[in-house]
Amino acid sequence: MRLDKYLKVSRLIKRRTVANEACDNGRISVNGRVVKAGYDYDVKVGDKIEISMGARTVTVEVLQVAETVRKDDAAAMYKEV
């Protein structure tokens, strides 16, 4: 799954266009590497994603990858580190 889609489906970022812009601006890193949304990188279970938005930085570990998920179950896709 593309990184921007994972961020949207997991509700870490509310809109896919915002997730795509954050990736393209270098605010998202996966396993210590800054990656673009369209880069040939598939999000996998166990990946650590670091999101820097303003003064706040959030690091999460991917627990589950799914194409669609209900809003109530979105938080089960990751855990904060």
C-alpha atoms as a PDB file:
ATOM      1  CA  MET A   1       0.000   0.000   0.000  1.00  0.00           C
ATOM      2  CA  ARG A   2       1.247   3.481  -0.826  1.00  0.00           C
ATOM      3  CA  LEU A   3       2.391   5.539   2.142  1.00  0.00           C
ATOM      4  CA  ASP A   4      -0.088   8.389   1.601  1.00  0.00           C
ATOM      5  CA  LYS A   5      -2.985   5.938   1.395  1.00  0.00           C
ATOM      6  CA  TYR A   6      -1.894   4.186   4.611  1.00  0.00           C
ATOM      7  CA  LEU A   7      -1.730   7.510   6.453  1.00  0.00           C
ATOM      8  CA  LYS A   8      -5.264   8.329   5.315  1.00  0.00           C
ATOM      9  CA  VAL A   9      -6.802   4.875   5.941  1.00  0.00           C
ATOM     10  CA  SER A  10      -5.258   4.686   9.418  1.00  0.00           C
ATOM     11  CA  ARG A  11      -6.555   8.211  10.153  1.00  0.00           C
ATOM     12  CA  LEU A  12      -3.080   9.470  11.090  1.00  0.00           C
ATOM     13  CA  ILE A  13      -3.712  12.244   8.534  1.00  0.00           C
ATOM     14  CA  LYS A  14      -7.304  13.064   7.615  1.00  0.00           C
ATOM     15  CA  ARG A  15      -6.955  13.687   3.882  1.00  0.00           C
ATOM     16  CA  ARG A  16      -4.892  11.834   1.305  1.00  0.00           C
ATOM     17  CA  THR A  17      -3.906  15.061  -0.456  1.00  0.00           C
ATOM     18  CA  VAL A  18      -2.516  16.426   2.834  1.00  0.00           C
ATOM     19  CA  ALA A  19      -0.663  13.135   3.393  1.00  0.00           C
ATOM     20  CA  ASN A  20       0.740  13.317  -0.136  1.00  0.00           C
ATOM     21  CA  GLU A  21       1.942  16.907   0.397  1.00  0.00           C
ATOM     22  CA  ALA A  22       3.526  15.984   3.748  1.00  0.00           C
ATOM     23  CA  CYS A  23       5.423  13.141   2.068  1.00  0.00           C
ATOM     24  CA  ASP A  24       6.562  15.320  -0.812  1.00  0.00           C
ATOM     25  CA  ASN A  25       7.777  18.027   1.617  1.00  0.00           C
ATOM     26  CA  GLY A  26       9.957  15.551   3.542  1.00  0.00           C
ATOM     27  CA  ARG A  27       7.890  15.508   6.745  1.00  0.00           C
ATOM     28  CA  ILE A  28       7.366  11.732   6.719  1.00  0.00           C
ATOM     29  CA  SER A  29      10.100   9.156   7.249  1.00  0.00           C
ATOM     30  CA  VAL A  30       9.838   5.374   7.285  1.00  0.00           C
ATOM     31  CA  ASN A  31      12.440   3.378   9.196  1.00  0.00           C
ATOM     32  CA  GLY A  32      14.675   6.445   9.361  1.00  0.00           C
ATOM     33  CA  ARG A  33      14.516   7.275   5.634  1.00  0.00           C
ATOM     34  CA  VAL A  34      12.566  10.206   4.214  1.00  0.00           C
ATOM     35  CA  VAL A  35      10.352   8.814   1.465  1.00  0.00           C
ATOM     36  CA  LYS A  36       7.960  10.286  -1.087  1.00  0.00           C
ATOM     37  CA  ALA A  37       4.337   9.143  -1.340  1.00  0.00           C
ATOM     38  CA  GLY A  38       4.753   7.905  -4.913  1.00  0.00           C
ATOM     39  CA  TYR A  39       8.053   6.173  -4.237  1.00  0.00           C
ATOM     40  CA  ASP A  40       8.015   2.428  -4.856  1.00  0.00           C
ATOM     41  CA  TYR A  41       7.713   1.687  -1.168  1.00  0.00           C
ATOM     42  CA  ASP A  42       4.982  -0.463   0.285  1.00  0.00           C
ATOM     43  CA  VAL A  43       4.074  -0.014   3.928  1.00  0.00           C
ATOM     44  CA  LYS A  44       4.595  -3.288   5.784  1.00  0.00           C
ATOM     45  CA  VAL A  45       3.826  -4.547   9.279  1.00  0.00           C
ATOM     46  CA  GLY A  46       6.652  -3.571  11.628  1.00  0.00           C
ATOM     47  CA  ASP A  47       7.614  -0.354   9.820  1.00  0.00           C
ATOM     48  CA  LYS A  48       8.213   2.711  11.971  1.00  0.00           C
ATOM     49  CA  ILE A  49       6.683   5.892  10.529  1.00  0.00           C
ATOM     50  CA  GLU A  50       7.718   9.309  11.857  1.00  0.00           C
ATOM     51  CA  ILE A  51       5.416  12.241  11.102  1.00  0.00           C
ATOM     52  CA  SER A  52       6.617  15.813  11.697  1.00  0.00           C
ATOM     53  CA  MET A  53       3.866  18.420  11.594  1.00  0.00           C
ATOM     54  CA  GLY A  54       4.841  21.807  12.952  1.00  0.00           C
ATOM     55  CA  ALA A  55       6.470  21.478  16.366  1.00  0.00           C
ATOM     56  CA  ARG A  56       4.945  18.042  16.974  1.00  0.00           C
ATOM     57  CA  THR A  57       6.555  14.751  15.937  1.00  0.00           C
ATOM     58  CA  VAL A  58       4.678  11.453  16.160  1.00  0.00           C
ATOM     59  CA  THR A  59       6.318   8.052  15.759  1.00  0.00           C
ATOM     60  CA  VAL A  60       4.128   4.998  15.153  1.00  0.00           C
ATOM     61  CA  GLU A  61       4.734   1.327  14.435  1.00  0.00           C
ATOM     62  CA  VAL A  62       2.588  -0.343  11.781  1.00  0.00           C
ATOM     63  CA  LEU A  63       0.597  -3.256  13.228  1.00  0.00           C
ATOM     64  CA  GLN A  64      -1.798  -3.906  10.353  1.00  0.00           C
ATOM     65  CA  VAL A  65      -2.200  -2.958   6.700  1.00  0.00           C
ATOM     66  CA  ALA A  66      -5.712  -2.945   5.197  1.00  0.00           C
ATOM     67  CA  GLU A  67      -7.233  -1.292   2.124  1.00  0.00           C
ATOM     68  CA  THR A  68     -10.345  -0.170   3.985  1.00  0.00           C
ATOM     69  CA  VAL A  69     -11.132   0.041   7.663  1.00  0.00           C
ATOM     70  CA  ARG A  70     -13.921   1.487   9.761  1.00  0.00           C
ATOM     71  CA  LYS A  71     -13.265   4.651  11.732  1.00  0.00           C
ATOM     72  CA  ASP A  72     -13.564   2.801  15.046  1.00  0.00           C
ATOM     73  CA  ASP A  73     -10.960   0.213  14.016  1.00  0.00           C
ATOM     74  CA  ALA A  74      -8.423   2.639  12.481  1.00  0.00           C
ATOM     75  CA  ALA A  75      -6.466   3.070  15.725  1.00  0.00           C
ATOM     76  CA  ALA A  76      -5.742  -0.682  15.776  1.00  0.00           C
ATOM     77  CA  MET A  77      -3.627  -0.324  12.619  1.00  0.00           C
ATOM     78  CA  TYR A  78      -0.723   1.272  14.529  1.00  0.00           C
ATOM     79  CA  LYS A  79       0.701   1.921  17.972  1.00  0.00           C
ATOM     80  CA  GLU A  80       2.563   5.017  19.141  1.00  0.00           C
ATOM     81  CA  VAL A  81       6.173   4.459  20.043  1.00  0.00           C
END
